C-alpha atoms as a PDB file:
ATOM      1  CA  MET A   1      35.086  35.729  18.854  1.00  0.00           C
ATOM      2  CA  ALA A   2      31.817  35.187  16.093  1.00  0.00           C
ATOM      3  CA  THR A   3      28.622  37.260  16.491  1.00  0.00           C
ATOM      4  CA  PHE A   4      25.114  35.815  16.558  1.00  0.00           C
ATOM      5  CA  ALA A   5      25.032  37.066  13.180  1.00  0.00           C
ATOM      6  CA  GLU A   6      27.489  35.109  11.794  1.00  0.00           C
ATOM      7  CA  LEU A   7      26.656  32.209  14.317  1.00  0.00           C
ATOM      8  CA  LYS A   8      23.178  32.075  12.028  1.00  0.00           C
ATOM      9  CA  GLU A   9      25.122  32.254   8.756  1.00  0.00           C
ATOM     10  CA  LEU A  10      27.342  29.535   9.237  1.00  0.00           C
ATOM     11  CA  MET A  11      24.442  27.157  10.976  1.00  0.00           C
ATOM     12  CA  LEU A  12      22.124  27.717   7.711  1.00  0.00           C
ATOM     13  CA  HIS A  13      24.979  26.801   5.511  1.00  0.00           C
ATOM     14  CA  ALA A  14      25.766  24.173   7.846  1.00  0.00           C
ATOM     15  CA  ALA A  15      22.090  22.741   8.031  1.00  0.00           C
ATOM     16  CA  LYS A  16      22.036  23.377   3.519  1.00  0.00           C
ATOM     17  CA  ARG A  17      25.365  21.543   3.395  1.00  0.00           C
ATOM     18  CA  THR A  18      26.499  24.756   1.560  1.00  0.00           C
ATOM     19  CA  ALA A  19      29.118  27.147   1.934  1.00  0.00           C
ATOM     20  CA  PRO A  20      30.270  30.791   1.943  1.00  0.00           C
ATOM     21  CA  GLU A  21      33.295  32.160  -0.353  1.00  0.00           C
ATOM     22  CA  ASN A  22      36.569  30.904   0.648  1.00  0.00           C
ATOM     23  CA  PHE A  23      34.860  28.150   2.790  1.00  0.00           C
ATOM     24  CA  SER A  24      34.322  24.397   1.710  1.00  0.00           C
ATOM     25  CA  VAL A  25      31.423  22.715   3.573  1.00  0.00           C
ATOM     26  CA  GLU A  26      33.995  20.682   5.835  1.00  0.00           C
ATOM     27  CA  SER A  27      35.432  24.051   7.261  1.00  0.00           C
ATOM     28  CA  VAL A  28      32.031  25.111   7.961  1.00  0.00           C
ATOM     29  CA  ASP A  29      31.002  22.433   9.877  1.00  0.00           C
ATOM     30  CA  LYS A  30      34.331  22.885  11.945  1.00  0.00           C
ATOM     31  CA  ALA A  31      33.976  27.220  11.574  1.00  0.00           C
ATOM     32  CA  PHE A  32      30.181  26.468  13.070  1.00  0.00           C
ATOM     33  CA  VAL A  33      31.273  24.110  15.952  1.00  0.00           C
ATOM     34  CA  GLU A  34      33.909  26.208  17.247  1.00  0.00           C
ATOM     35  CA  ALA A  35      31.499  29.803  17.093  1.00  0.00           C
ATOM     36  CA  LEU A  36      28.754  27.949  19.149  1.00  0.00           C
ATOM     37  CA  ASN A  37      31.156  26.528  21.711  1.00  0.00           C
ATOM     38  CA  GLU A  38      32.736  30.228  22.147  1.00  0.00           C
ATOM     39  CA  LYS A  39      28.712  30.673  23.150  1.00  0.00           C
ATOM     40  CA  ALA A  40      27.929  27.885  24.854  1.00  0.00           C
ATOM     41  CA  GLY A  41      31.419  26.307  25.869  1.00  0.00           C
ATOM     42  CA  SER A  42      29.886  25.918  30.067  1.00  0.00           C
ATOM     43  CA  ILE A  43      26.974  25.732  31.709  1.00  0.00           C
ATOM     44  CA  ASN A  44      27.199  29.487  32.412  1.00  0.00           C
ATOM     45  CA  GLN A  45      28.074  30.439  28.847  1.00  0.00           C
ATOM     46  CA  PHE A  46      24.839  28.152  27.811  1.00  0.00           C
ATOM     47  CA  MET A  47      22.507  30.059  30.051  1.00  0.00           C
ATOM     48  CA  LYS A  48      23.475  33.166  29.856  1.00  0.00           C
ATOM     49  CA  ASN A  49      23.076  32.773  25.600  1.00  0.00           C
ATOM     50  CA  ARG A  50      20.414  30.107  25.559  1.00  0.00           C
ATOM     51  CA  TYR A  51      17.557  32.635  24.068  1.00  0.00           C
ATOM     52  CA  ASP A  52      19.769  33.814  21.363  1.00  0.00           C
ATOM     53  CA  LEU A  53      20.733  30.374  20.208  1.00  0.00           C
ATOM     54  CA  TYR A  54      17.435  29.169  20.303  1.00  0.00           C
ATOM     55  CA  GLN A  55      16.237  32.162  18.180  1.00  0.00           C
ATOM     56  CA  ILE A  56      18.830  30.863  15.363  1.00  0.00           C
ATOM     57  CA  ILE A  57      17.801  27.238  15.998  1.00  0.00           C
ATOM     58  CA  VAL A  58      13.677  28.336  15.351  1.00  0.00           C
ATOM     59  CA  GLU A  59      15.114  30.999  12.012  1.00  0.00           C
ATOM     60  CA  THR A  60      17.514  27.863  10.549  1.00  0.00           C
ATOM     61  CA  ILE A  61      14.329  25.729  11.493  1.00  0.00           C
ATOM     62  CA  ASP A  62      11.911  27.408   9.650  1.00  0.00           C
ATOM     63  CA  GLU A  63      13.873  28.272   6.674  1.00  0.00           C
ATOM     64  CA  VAL A  64      15.457  24.532   6.234  1.00  0.00           C
ATOM     65  CA  VAL A  65      12.303  22.177   6.994  1.00  0.00           C
ATOM     66  CA  PRO A  66       9.510  23.452   4.767  1.00  0.00           C
ATOM     67  CA  ASN A  67      12.008  23.555   2.262  1.00  0.00           C
ATOM     68  CA  ARG A  68      13.393  20.137   2.516  1.00  0.00           C
ATOM     69  CA  THR A  69       9.995  19.304   2.479  1.00  0.00           C
ATOM     70  CA  ILE A  70       8.784  21.315  -0.191  1.00  0.00           C
ATOM     71  CA  GLU A  71      12.080  19.605  -2.429  1.00  0.00           C
ATOM     72  CA  ALA A  72      11.075  16.243  -1.462  1.00  0.00           C
ATOM     73  CA  LEU A  73       7.797  16.057  -2.194  1.00  0.00           C
ATOM     74  CA  ALA A  74       7.160  18.750  -5.009  1.00  0.00           C
ATOM     75  CA  PRO A  75       6.120  15.815  -7.409  1.00  0.00           C
ATOM     76  CA  ILE A  76       3.000  14.848  -5.358  1.00  0.00           C
ATOM     77  CA  ALA A  77       2.548  17.531  -2.913  1.00  0.00           C
ATOM     78  CA  GLU A  78       0.806  21.357  -2.564  1.00  0.00           C
ATOM     79  CA  ILE A  79       2.816  22.811   0.361  1.00  0.00           C
ATOM     80  CA  ARG A  80       1.576  25.981   1.797  1.00  0.00           C
ATOM     81  CA  GLN A  81       3.176  27.973   4.894  1.00  0.00           C
ATOM     82  CA  VAL A  82       0.789  30.237   6.469  1.00  0.00           C
ATOM     83  CA  PRO A  83       0.708  32.847   9.760  1.00  0.00           C
ATOM     84  CA  GLN A  84       0.252  31.692  12.858  1.00  0.00           C
ATOM     85  CA  GLY A  85      -3.465  31.562  13.249  1.00  0.00           C
ATOM     86  CA  GLN A  86      -4.324  31.692   9.449  1.00  0.00           C
ATOM     87  CA  LYS A  87      -6.964  29.199   8.215  1.00  0.00           C
ATOM     88  CA  THR A  88      -5.827  27.375   5.044  1.00  0.00           C
ATOM     89  CA  ILE A  89      -8.260  26.837   2.452  1.00  0.00           C
ATOM     90  CA  PHE A  90      -7.649  24.425  -0.915  1.00  0.00           C
ATOM     91  CA  LYS A  91     -10.047  24.444  -3.286  1.00  0.00           C
ATOM     92  CA  GLN A  92     -10.929  21.471  -5.533  1.00  0.00           C
ATOM     93  CA  ARG A  93      -9.918  21.357  -9.059  1.00  0.00           C
ATOM     94  CA  VAL A  94     -13.237  20.587 -11.316  1.00  0.00           C
ATOM     95  CA  GLY A  95     -12.093  18.578 -14.143  1.00  0.00           C
ATOM     96  CA  ARG A  96     -11.607  14.969 -14.877  1.00  0.00           C
ATOM     97  CA  GLN A  97     -13.284  12.913 -12.153  1.00  0.00           C
ATOM     98  CA  ARG A  98     -14.273   9.160 -12.089  1.00  0.00           C
ATOM     99  CA  ALA A  99     -16.158   9.124  -8.780  1.00  0.00           C
ATOM    100  CA  LYS A 100     -16.441  11.243  -5.686  1.00  0.00           C
ATOM    101  CA  LYS A 101     -13.680  12.817  -3.958  1.00  0.00           C
ATOM    102  CA  PHE A 102     -12.589  11.641  -0.899  1.00  0.00           C
ATOM    103  CA  LEU A 103     -10.641  13.760   1.743  1.00  0.00           C
ATOM    104  CA  THR A 104      -8.020  12.290   4.730  1.00  0.00           C
ATOM    105  CA  GLN A 105      -7.121  14.155   7.580  1.00  0.00           C
ATOM    106  CA  VAL A 106      -6.713  14.422  11.107  1.00  0.00           C
ATOM    107  CA  GLY A 107      -9.982  15.045  12.867  1.00  0.00           C
ATOM    108  CA  LEU A 108     -11.029  16.249  16.165  1.00  0.00           C
ATOM    109  CA  SER A 109      -9.990  13.033  17.938  1.00  0.00           C
ATOM    110  CA  GLY A 110      -6.850  13.139  17.194  1.00  0.00           C
ATOM    111  CA  VAL A 111      -6.609  10.437  14.191  1.00  0.00           C
ATOM    112  CA  TYR A 112      -6.832  10.564  10.558  1.00  0.00           C
ATOM    113  CA  GLU A 113     -11.027  10.095   9.008  1.00  0.00           C
ATOM    114  CA  THR A 114     -11.706   9.824   5.699  1.00  0.00           C
ATOM    115  CA  PHE A 115     -15.150  11.513   4.439  1.00  0.00           C
ATOM    116  CA  ARG A 116     -16.679  12.296   1.071  1.00  0.00           C
ATOM    117  CA  LEU A 117     -16.001  15.781  -0.406  1.00  0.00           C
ATOM    118  CA  ASP A 118     -18.694  17.151  -1.808  1.00  0.00           C
ATOM    119  CA  GLU A 119     -18.057  20.827  -1.339  1.00  0.00           C
ATOM    120  CA  LYS A 120     -15.283  22.755  -3.604  1.00  0.00           C
ATOM    121  CA  GLU A 121     -13.454  24.198  -0.989  1.00  0.00           C
ATOM    122  CA  PHE A 122     -11.920  22.587   2.456  1.00  0.00           C
ATOM    123  CA  GLU A 123      -9.554  23.817   5.380  1.00  0.00           C
ATOM    124  CA  VAL A 124      -6.449  21.373   6.253  1.00  0.00           C
ATOM    125  CA  LYS A 125      -6.561  20.919  10.207  1.00  0.00           C
ATOM    126  CA  VAL A 126      -3.107  21.589  11.704  1.00  0.00           C
ATOM    127  CA  HIS A 127      -1.545  20.146  14.902  1.00  0.00           C
ATOM    128  CA  ALA A 128       1.618  20.529  16.621  1.00  0.00           C
ATOM    129  CA  ARG A 129       4.340  17.949  15.563  1.00  0.00           C
ATOM    130  CA  GLY A 130       7.697  17.873  17.576  1.00  0.00           C
ATOM    131  CA  GLY A 131      10.269  16.579  19.357  1.00  0.00           C
ATOM    132  CA  ALA A 132      13.085  16.897  22.223  1.00  0.00           C
ATOM    133  CA  THR A 133      16.864  16.056  22.814  1.00  0.00           C
ATOM    134  CA  THR A 134      18.436  16.494  26.677  1.00  0.00           C
ATOM    135  CA  LEU A 135      21.548  18.185  26.533  1.00  0.00           C
ATOM    136  CA  ASP A 136      24.530  16.328  28.764  1.00  0.00           C
ATOM    137  CA  PHE A 137      26.572  19.220  30.406  1.00  0.00           C
ATOM    138  CA  GLU A 138      29.266  17.345  31.200  1.00  0.00           C
ATOM    139  CA  ARG A 139      29.730  15.400  27.735  1.00  0.00           C
ATOM    140  CA  MET A 140      29.845  18.604  26.463  1.00  0.00           C
ATOM    141  CA  LEU A 141      32.671  20.149  28.802  1.00  0.00           C
ATOM    142  CA  ASP A 142      34.405  16.831  27.770  1.00  0.00           C
ATOM    143  CA  GLY A 143      34.372  17.494  24.178  1.00  0.00           C
ATOM    144  CA  ALA A 144      32.273  13.941  23.771  1.00  0.00           C
ATOM    145  CA  GLU A 145      28.926  15.954  22.508  1.00  0.00           C
ATOM    146  CA  VAL A 146      28.756  19.384  20.728  1.00  0.00           C
ATOM    147  CA  LEU A 147      25.897  21.809  20.637  1.00  0.00           C
ATOM    148  CA  ALA A 148      25.481  21.405  17.101  1.00  0.00           C
ATOM    149  CA  GLU A 149      24.903  18.031  16.958  1.00  0.00           C
ATOM    150  CA  TYR A 150      21.582  18.132  19.412  1.00  0.00           C
ATOM    151  CA  MET A 151      20.635  20.845  16.496  1.00  0.00           C
ATOM    152  CA  ASP A 152      20.792  18.440  13.931  1.00  0.00           C
ATOM    153  CA  VAL A 153      18.947  15.906  16.040  1.00  0.00           C
ATOM    154  CA  LEU A 154      16.381  18.285  15.788  1.00  0.00           C
ATOM    155  CA  MET A 155      15.807  19.519  12.522  1.00  0.00           C
ATOM    156  CA  GLU A 156      15.858  16.002  11.618  1.00  0.00           C
ATOM    157  CA  GLY A 157      13.152  14.985  14.090  1.00  0.00           C
ATOM    158  CA  LEU A 158      11.063  17.616  12.596  1.00  0.00           C
ATOM    159  CA  ALA A 159      11.521  16.526   8.683  1.00  0.00           C
ATOM    160  CA  ASP A 160      10.760  13.077   9.427  1.00  0.00           C
ATOM    161  CA  SER A 161       7.343  14.447  11.344  1.00  0.00           C
ATOM    162  CA  VAL A 162       6.210  15.304   7.921  1.00  0.00           C
ATOM    163  CA  TRP A 163       7.103  11.992   6.599  1.00  0.00           C
ATOM    164  CA  ALA A 164       5.166  10.540   9.827  1.00  0.00           C
ATOM    165  CA  GLU A 165       2.330  12.741   8.943  1.00  0.00           C
ATOM    166  CA  VAL A 166       1.940  11.691   4.880  1.00  0.00           C
ATOM    167  CA  GLN A 167       2.219   8.048   6.116  1.00  0.00           C
ATOM    168  CA  GLN A 168      -0.396   8.160   8.588  1.00  0.00           C
ATOM    169  CA  ALA A 169      -2.785  10.432   6.160  1.00  0.00           C
ATOM    170  CA  LEU A 170      -2.034   7.497   3.118  1.00  0.00           C
ATOM    171  CA  ARG A 171      -2.415   4.393   5.611  1.00  0.00           C
ATOM    172  CA  ALA A 172      -5.939   5.681   7.195  1.00  0.00           C
ATOM    173  CA  ALA A 173      -6.831   6.473   3.449  1.00  0.00           C
ATOM    174  CA  ILE A 174      -6.343   3.101   2.840  1.00  0.00           C
ATOM    175  CA  ASN A 175      -8.136   1.745   5.890  1.00  0.00           C
ATOM    176  CA  VAL A 176     -10.620   3.909   6.395  1.00  0.00           C
ATOM    177  CA  MET A 177     -12.289   4.444   2.482  1.00  0.00           C
ATOM    178  CA  GLY A 178     -10.922   1.572   1.483  1.00  0.00           C
ATOM    179  CA  VAL A 179      -9.205   1.238  -2.220  1.00  0.00           C
ATOM    180  CA  ASN A 180      -9.981  -1.079  -4.881  1.00  0.00           C
ATOM    181  CA  THR A 181      -8.440  -4.274  -5.355  1.00  0.00           C
ATOM    182  CA  THR A 182      -7.003  -2.686  -8.509  1.00  0.00           C
ATOM    183  CA  ASN A 183      -5.516  -0.083  -6.392  1.00  0.00           C
ATOM    184  CA  MET A 184      -3.674  -2.286  -3.744  1.00  0.00           C
ATOM    185  CA  TYR A 185      -1.526  -5.272  -4.321  1.00  0.00           C
ATOM    186  CA  SER A 186      -0.029  -7.363  -1.467  1.00  0.00           C
ATOM    187  CA  ASP A 187       2.512 -10.037  -1.957  1.00  0.00           C
ATOM    188  CA  SER A 188       5.149 -12.065   0.240  1.00  0.00           C
ATOM    189  CA  SER A 189       7.842 -11.120  -2.063  1.00  0.00           C
ATOM    190  CA  PHE A 190       8.103  -8.218  -5.075  1.00  0.00           C
ATOM    191  CA  VAL A 191       6.190  -9.199  -8.106  1.00  0.00           C
ATOM    192  CA  ALA A 192       7.040  -6.699 -10.752  1.00  0.00           C
ATOM    193  CA  ASP A 193       4.006  -7.358 -12.915  1.00  0.00           C
ATOM    194  CA  HIS A 194       1.610  -5.733  -9.903  1.00  0.00           C
ATOM    195  CA  MET A 195       3.710  -2.787  -9.274  1.00  0.00           C
ATOM    196  CA  VAL A 196       3.157  -2.190 -12.891  1.00  0.00           C
ATOM    197  CA  LYS A 197      -0.249  -2.458 -12.940  1.00  0.00           C
ATOM    198  CA  LEU A 198      -0.446   0.067 -10.202  1.00  0.00           C
ATOM    199  CA  CYS A 199       1.620   2.590 -12.147  1.00  0.00           C
ATOM    200  CA  ASN A 200      -0.861   1.854 -14.980  1.00  0.00           C
ATOM    201  CA  VAL A 201      -3.793   2.860 -12.772  1.00  0.00           C
ATOM    202  CA  VAL A 202      -2.344   5.909 -11.743  1.00  0.00           C
ATOM    203  CA  LYS A 203      -1.222   6.854 -14.979  1.00  0.00           C
ATOM    204  CA  ALA A 204      -5.054   6.552 -16.581  1.00  0.00           C
ATOM    205  CA  TYR A 205      -5.862   9.410 -14.688  1.00  0.00           C
ATOM    206  CA  GLY A 206      -3.619  11.763 -16.701  1.00  0.00           C
ATOM    207  CA  GLY A 207      -0.275  12.190 -16.292  1.00  0.00           C
ATOM    208  CA  GLY A 208       2.579  10.134 -14.837  1.00  0.00           C
ATOM    209  CA  ALA A 209       3.185   8.388 -11.567  1.00  0.00           C
ATOM    210  CA  VAL A 210       6.278   8.389  -9.146  1.00  0.00           C
ATOM    211  CA  ILE A 211       6.819   5.794  -6.589  1.00  0.00           C
ATOM    212  CA  PHE A 212       7.206   6.648  -2.689  1.00  0.00           C
ATOM    213  CA  ALA A 213       9.103   3.992  -0.728  1.00  0.00           C
ATOM    214  CA  PRO A 214      11.157   3.343   2.097  1.00  0.00           C
ATOM    215  CA  PRO A 215      14.747   2.327   1.493  1.00  0.00           C
ATOM    216  CA  GLU A 216      13.876  -1.263   2.646  1.00  0.00           C
ATOM    217  CA  PHE A 217      11.141  -1.953   0.078  1.00  0.00           C
ATOM    218  CA  VAL A 218      13.251  -0.283  -2.434  1.00  0.00           C
ATOM    219  CA  ALA A 219      16.285  -2.528  -1.377  1.00  0.00           C
ATOM    220  CA  ALA A 220      13.991  -6.019  -1.967  1.00  0.00           C
ATOM    221  CA  MET A 221      12.692  -4.690  -5.821  1.00  0.00           C
ATOM    222  CA  GLY A 222      16.065  -5.338  -6.615  1.00  0.00           C
ATOM    223  CA  PRO A 223      17.382  -5.375 -10.765  1.00  0.00           C
ATOM    224  CA  ASP A 224      13.781  -4.995 -12.729  1.00  0.00           C
ATOM    225  CA  VAL A 225      14.241  -7.651 -15.485  1.00  0.00           C
ATOM    226  CA  ILE A 226      11.278  -7.498 -17.680  1.00  0.00           C
ATOM    227  CA  VAL A 227      11.205 -10.685 -20.130  1.00  0.00           C
ATOM    228  CA  PRO A 228      13.521 -13.268 -18.070  1.00  0.00           C
ATOM    229  CA  ILE A 229      16.130 -15.983 -19.819  1.00  0.00           C
ATOM    230  CA  THR A 230      14.013 -19.329 -20.979  1.00  0.00           C
ATOM    231  CA  ALA A 231      15.103 -22.211 -20.572  1.00  0.00           C
ATOM    232  CA  ALA A 232      13.984 -23.359 -23.624  1.00  0.00           C
ATOM    233  CA  SER A 233      15.980 -20.944 -26.134  1.00  0.00           C
ATOM    234  CA  HIS A 234      19.084 -20.282 -23.859  1.00  0.00           C
ATOM    235  CA  THR A 235      19.477 -17.091 -24.863  1.00  0.00           C
ATOM    236  CA  ALA A 236      18.916 -13.970 -23.054  1.00  0.00           C
ATOM    237  CA  LEU A 237      15.468 -11.879 -24.073  1.00  0.00           C
ATOM    238  CA  SER A 238      15.597  -9.656 -21.887  1.00  0.00           C
ATOM    239  CA  ILE A 239      15.161  -6.211 -22.713  1.00  0.00           C
ATOM    240  CA  SER A 240      14.993  -4.670 -19.945  1.00  0.00           C
ATOM    241  CA  PRO A 241      17.404  -2.138 -18.385  1.00  0.00           C
ATOM    242  CA  VAL A 242      19.115  -4.358 -15.870  1.00  0.00           C
ATOM    243  CA  SER A 243      22.493  -3.475 -16.023  1.00  0.00           C
ATOM    244  CA  ASP A 244      21.495   0.405 -15.338  1.00  0.00           C
ATOM    245  CA  ASP A 245      19.585  -0.981 -12.312  1.00  0.00           C
ATOM    246  CA  VAL A 246      22.910  -3.190 -11.318  1.00  0.00           C
ATOM    247  CA  ASP A 247      24.843  -0.359 -12.081  1.00  0.00           C
ATOM    248  CA  ALA A 248      22.725   2.010  -9.724  1.00  0.00           C
ATOM    249  CA  ILE A 249      22.688  -0.811  -6.632  1.00  0.00           C
ATOM    250  CA  HIS A 250      26.793  -0.687  -7.261  1.00  0.00           C
ATOM    251  CA  ARG A 251      26.779   3.249  -6.716  1.00  0.00           C
ATOM    252  CA  THR A 252      23.530   4.041  -4.657  1.00  0.00           C
ATOM    253  CA  GLY A 253      22.714   0.276  -3.073  1.00  0.00           C
ATOM    254  CA  TYR A 254      19.329   0.539  -5.027  1.00  0.00           C
ATOM    255  CA  ILE A 255      17.477   1.070  -8.207  1.00  0.00           C
ATOM    256  CA  ASN A 256      16.186   4.267  -8.938  1.00  0.00           C
ATOM    257  CA  LEU A 257      13.762   4.379 -11.994  1.00  0.00           C
ATOM    258  CA  PHE A 258      10.773   1.146 -12.327  1.00  0.00           C
ATOM    259  CA  ARG A 259       9.581   0.915 -16.155  1.00  0.00           C
ATOM    260  CA  GLY A 260      10.003   4.758 -16.532  1.00  0.00           C
ATOM    261  CA  VAL A 261       8.542   5.353 -13.054  1.00  0.00           C
ATOM    262  CA  PRO A 262      10.876   7.516 -10.687  1.00  0.00           C
ATOM    263  CA  ILE A 263      11.797   6.177  -7.520  1.00  0.00           C
ATOM    264  CA  VAL A 264      11.511   8.424  -4.490  1.00  0.00           C
ATOM    265  CA  GLN A 265      12.846   7.370  -1.165  1.00  0.00           C
ATOM    266  CA  ILE A 266      11.017   8.120   2.450  1.00  0.00           C
ATOM    267  CA  PRO A 267      14.063   8.726   4.649  1.00  0.00           C
ATOM    268  CA  GLN A 268      13.776   6.032   7.271  1.00  0.00           C
ATOM    269  CA  SER A 269      14.091   6.495  10.793  1.00  0.00           C
ATOM    270  CA  TYR A 270      13.567   4.931  14.269  1.00  0.00           C
ATOM    271  CA  VAL A 271      11.607   5.453  17.107  1.00  0.00           C
ATOM    272  CA  ASP A 272      13.409   3.227  19.699  1.00  0.00           C
ATOM    273  CA  GLU A 273      17.101   3.489  21.126  1.00  0.00           C
ATOM    274  CA  LYS A 274      17.846  -0.161  19.538  1.00  0.00           C
ATOM    275  CA  ASN A 275      17.295   0.764  16.032  1.00  0.00           C
ATOM    276  CA  GLN A 276      14.154  -2.054  15.845  1.00  0.00           C
ATOM    277  CA  GLU A 277      11.146  -0.361  15.308  1.00  0.00           C
ATOM    278  CA  THR A 278      10.627   2.030  12.580  1.00  0.00           C
ATOM    279  CA  LEU A 279       8.945   5.795  11.861  1.00  0.00           C
ATOM    280  CA  ILE A 280       7.909   4.584   8.252  1.00  0.00           C
ATOM    281  CA  ASP A 281       6.501   1.527   7.174  1.00  0.00           C
ATOM    282  CA  PRO A 282       8.761  -0.678   5.640  1.00  0.00           C
ATOM    283  CA  GLN A 283       6.612  -2.820   3.760  1.00  0.00           C
ATOM    284  CA  LEU A 284       4.420  -0.625   2.073  1.00  0.00           C
ATOM    285  CA  ALA A 285       5.550   1.389  -1.058  1.00  0.00           C
ATOM    286  CA  TYR A 286       2.967   4.450  -2.483  1.00  0.00           C
ATOM    287  CA  VAL A 287       2.242   4.649  -6.258  1.00  0.00           C
ATOM    288  CA  LEU A 288       1.042   8.978  -6.315  1.00  0.00           C
ATOM    289  CA  PRO A 289      -0.072  10.376  -9.771  1.00  0.00           C
ATOM    290  CA  THR A 290       1.920  13.724 -11.313  1.00  0.00           C
ATOM    291  CA  GLY A 291       1.287  16.233 -13.790  1.00  0.00           C
ATOM    292  CA  GLY A 292      -2.428  16.836 -12.353  1.00  0.00           C
ATOM    293  CA  GLU A 293      -4.047  17.790  -8.998  1.00  0.00           C
ATOM    294  CA  LYS A 294      -1.878  16.748  -6.268  1.00  0.00           C
ATOM    295  CA  VAL A 295      -3.048  14.120  -3.992  1.00  0.00           C
ATOM    296  CA  VAL A 296      -1.149  15.372  -0.972  1.00  0.00           C
ATOM    297  CA  LYS A 297      -2.077  18.486   0.589  1.00  0.00           C
ATOM    298  CA  VAL A 298       0.729  19.969   3.461  1.00  0.00           C
ATOM    299  CA  VAL A 299       0.622  23.356   5.528  1.00  0.00           C
ATOM    300  CA  PHE A 300       3.104  24.402   7.888  1.00  0.00           C
ATOM    301  CA  GLU A 301       1.190  27.103  10.190  1.00  0.00           C
ATOM    302  CA  GLY A 302       3.565  29.763  12.318  1.00  0.00           C
ATOM    303  CA  ASP A 303       6.868  30.363  13.638  1.00  0.00           C
ATOM    304  CA  THR A 304       8.720  27.047  15.180  1.00  0.00           C
ATOM    305  CA  GLN A 305       8.485  27.014  19.033  1.00  0.00           C
ATOM    306  CA  ILE A 306      11.290  26.005  21.379  1.00  0.00           C
ATOM    307  CA  TYR A 307      11.098  25.844  25.378  1.00  0.00           C
ATOM    308  CA  ASP A 308      13.450  24.002  27.671  1.00  0.00           C
ATOM    309  CA  TRP A 309      13.826  22.958  31.371  1.00  0.00           C
ATOM    310  CA  VAL A 310      16.426  21.356  33.780  1.00  0.00           C
ATOM    311  CA  ASN A 311      15.961  17.520  34.615  1.00  0.00           C
ATOM    312  CA  LYS A 312      16.603  16.239  37.945  1.00  0.00           C
ATOM    313  CA  ASP A 313      20.004  14.890  37.135  1.00  0.00           C
ATOM    314  CA  ASN A 314      20.491  18.573  35.978  1.00  0.00           C
ATOM    315  CA  SER A 315      20.594  18.015  32.156  1.00  0.00           C
ATOM    316  CA  LEU A 316      18.688  20.210  29.951  1.00  0.00           C
ATOM    317  CA  GLU A 317      16.013  18.971  27.797  1.00  0.00           C
ATOM    318  CA  ILE A 318      14.978  20.914  24.887  1.00  0.00           C
ATOM    319  CA  ASN A 319      11.705  20.568  23.090  1.00  0.00           C
ATOM    320  CA  VAL A 320      10.685  21.758  19.460  1.00  0.00           C
ATOM    321  CA  TYR A 321       7.490  21.530  17.833  1.00  0.00           C
ATOM    322  CA  LYS A 322       5.630  23.475  14.813  1.00  0.00           C
ATOM    323  CA  LYS A 323       2.259  23.330  13.510  1.00  0.00           C
ATOM    324  CA  MET A 324       1.472  21.362  10.950  1.00  0.00           C
ATOM    325  CA  GLY A 325      -1.314  19.614   9.208  1.00  0.00           C
ATOM    326  CA  VAL A 326      -1.482  16.878   6.090  1.00  0.00           C
ATOM    327  CA  ALA A 327      -4.280  15.914   4.238  1.00  0.00           C
ATOM    328  CA  ILE A 328      -4.875  13.158   1.210  1.00  0.00           C
ATOM    329  CA  LEU A 329      -7.123  14.295  -1.734  1.00  0.00           C
ATOM    330  CA  ALA A 330      -8.123  11.274  -3.809  1.00  0.00           C
ATOM    331  CA  TYR A 331     -10.520   9.410  -5.739  1.00  0.00           C
ATOM    332  CA  ASN A 332      -8.779   5.752  -6.490  1.00  0.00           C
ATOM    333  CA  ASN A 333      -6.261   7.870  -8.568  1.00  0.00           C
ATOM    334  CA  TRP A 334      -3.267   5.901  -6.220  1.00  0.00           C
ATOM    335  CA  GLY A 335      -2.237   2.754  -5.354  1.00  0.00           C
ATOM    336  CA  ILE A 336      -0.135   1.257  -2.674  1.00  0.00           C
ATOM    337  CA  TYR A 337       1.657  -2.216  -2.522  1.00  0.00           C
ATOM    338  CA  ARG A 338       2.824  -4.379   0.423  1.00  0.00           C
ATOM    339  CA  ASN A 339       5.746  -6.612   0.635  1.00  0.00           C
ATOM    340  CA  THR A 340       5.546  -8.796   3.644  1.00  0.00           C
ATOM    341  CA  GLY A 341       8.495 -10.242   2.982  1.00  0.00           C
ATOM    342  CA  VAL A 342      10.321  -7.319   4.516  1.00  0.00           C
ATOM    343  CA  THR A 343      10.577  -7.797   8.194  1.00  0.00           C
ATOM    344  CA  GLN A 344      11.227  -4.783   9.669  1.00  0.00           C
ATOM    345  CA  THR A 345       9.953  -4.226  12.932  1.00  0.00           C
ATOM    346  CA  PHE A 346       7.339  -1.262  12.645  1.00  0.00           C
ATOM    347  CA  VAL A 347       4.809  -0.375  14.926  1.00  0.00           C
ATOM    348  CA  GLY A 348       1.987   2.169  13.705  1.00  0.00           C
END
């Protein structure tokens, strides 16, 4: 029988999609499920071992979720992890500025607020974000569900929360601060020239640019044809990397580069059981600067917390939450593009 230390190692590898020596990724998944079932193969086993299992879940989340965020947001975000109760202070970089900076972060009312930032330091406030999953022991005993699947749901939910926080802060910066007309475009279908203009505005502040967008928006971009074929010449005047785009679409379903600007996909998720309402607004793409002061500030405070209770139908609901905070520091050095032709429902 696997020890809890071995179970934790297997869970970490399963979450990271890695494998220890003499294992494959597929065999890690199988070994993890088998070891987990040894500890929670029945209701009594689970209730006896649940706090040890919860500790493994917490430690895995605290190692995996922040690292996933760092890897995904590194080009445009400054990310810090601090102990419970510690304030997180960021300093403004003194340098090239064309206007007063603005800070958007969650306020006392629980919504994101934007204000002029005149001080050289600011604190990023944190609040709890989390989710829950319900264990159906009968389905577990029948083999229809395994605890490992619930753990994956909890980790994915917390990772999605980070993207949702960043999106809320960016949208609040747009709605409250008001971005210049040269920083925002809205079209009924994707217009490459408008995206080029946004990228150029962002690049003008020094450094490069990166496009962050959900998969629905990226899919609607299509191959990037810079100079179309003209009816007068009947010859292909295009100098675009359209063949590369077509190849990328063939391999991944999406283009990954637009006029030299990388496209990073925001992971999409759904907030309803029918998969109709998305967590991330599918119509919006954000053009953010790279190379200088990072626009997005992300803070993780303390350990992940976990608790449970038994429902009336004897199912067990497991809740997890983690304190996190997001702030947007900007001075008209980023852009936003809305494609209203993308029709997926978003309730924000």
